[in-house]
Protein backbone atom coordinates (compact mmCIF):
# COMPACT_ATOMS: atom_id res chain seq x y z
CA MET A 1 2.39 -28.63 -1.35
CA LYS A 2 5.52 -30.23 0.00
CA PHE A 3 9.00 -29.56 -1.37
CA THR A 4 11.57 -32.24 -0.78
CA LEU A 5 14.55 -30.55 -2.38
CA PRO A 6 16.40 -27.81 -0.51
CA LEU A 7 16.76 -25.85 -3.76
CA GLU A 8 13.00 -25.69 -4.25
CA SER A 9 12.58 -24.61 -0.67
CA ARG A 10 15.11 -21.83 -1.11
CA LYS A 11 13.43 -20.70 -4.32
CA LEU A 12 10.07 -20.55 -2.58
CA SER A 13 11.56 -18.65 0.33
CA SER A 14 13.18 -16.16 -2.04
CA LEU A 15 9.97 -15.66 -4.01
CA LEU A 16 7.97 -15.11 -0.83
CA GLU A 17 10.49 -12.58 0.48
CA LYS A 18 10.39 -10.66 -2.80
CA ALA A 19 6.59 -10.67 -2.80
CA VAL A 20 6.44 -9.41 0.77
CA SER A 21 8.98 -6.72 -0.03
CA ARG A 22 6.93 -5.56 -3.03
CA GLU A 23 3.76 -5.47 -0.95
CA ALA A 24 5.49 -3.49 1.79
CA LYS A 25 6.62 -0.90 -0.77
CA LEU A 26 3.10 -0.63 -2.17
CA TRP A 27 1.48 -0.16 1.24
CA LYS A 28 4.18 1.95 2.85
CA ALA A 29 2.66 5.15 4.16
CA TYR A 30 4.21 8.46 3.20
CA VAL A 31 5.77 10.08 6.25
CA PRO A 32 6.81 13.69 5.64
CA LYS A 33 10.07 14.91 7.09
CA LYS A 34 9.88 16.71 10.41
CA PRO A 35 9.92 20.48 10.11
CA THR A 36 12.89 22.36 11.47
CA ASN A 37 12.69 23.59 15.06
CA GLN A 38 12.23 27.16 13.89
CA VAL A 39 9.17 26.31 11.81
CA SER A 40 7.79 24.05 14.52
CA LEU A 41 8.20 26.65 17.25
CA SER A 42 6.62 29.44 15.22
CA ALA A 43 3.65 27.19 14.40
CA ASP A 44 3.23 26.28 18.10
CA SER A 45 3.34 29.91 19.22
CA SER A 46 0.70 30.92 16.68
CA GLY A 47 -1.74 28.38 18.09
CA LEU A 48 -1.95 26.17 15.02
CA PHE A 49 -1.67 23.05 17.14
CA GLY A 50 -4.32 24.01 19.69
CA SER A 51 -2.08 24.78 22.63
CA HIS A 52 -3.62 24.48 26.09
CA ARG A 53 -2.41 27.97 27.03
CA ASP A 54 -5.31 29.57 25.20
CA ARG A 55 -7.95 27.73 27.20
């Protein structure tokens, strides 16, 4: 399909951008916030992350 008018081309571009944006929101993976250093350090020292020190 070929559009000869710039307006039609801009409309198509806008529609495609909106569709891609919607798809990105649907497929966006949930990324939890990083824990604070205190929580992270206590978890590391308890061996929850399989530290190499124990081997």
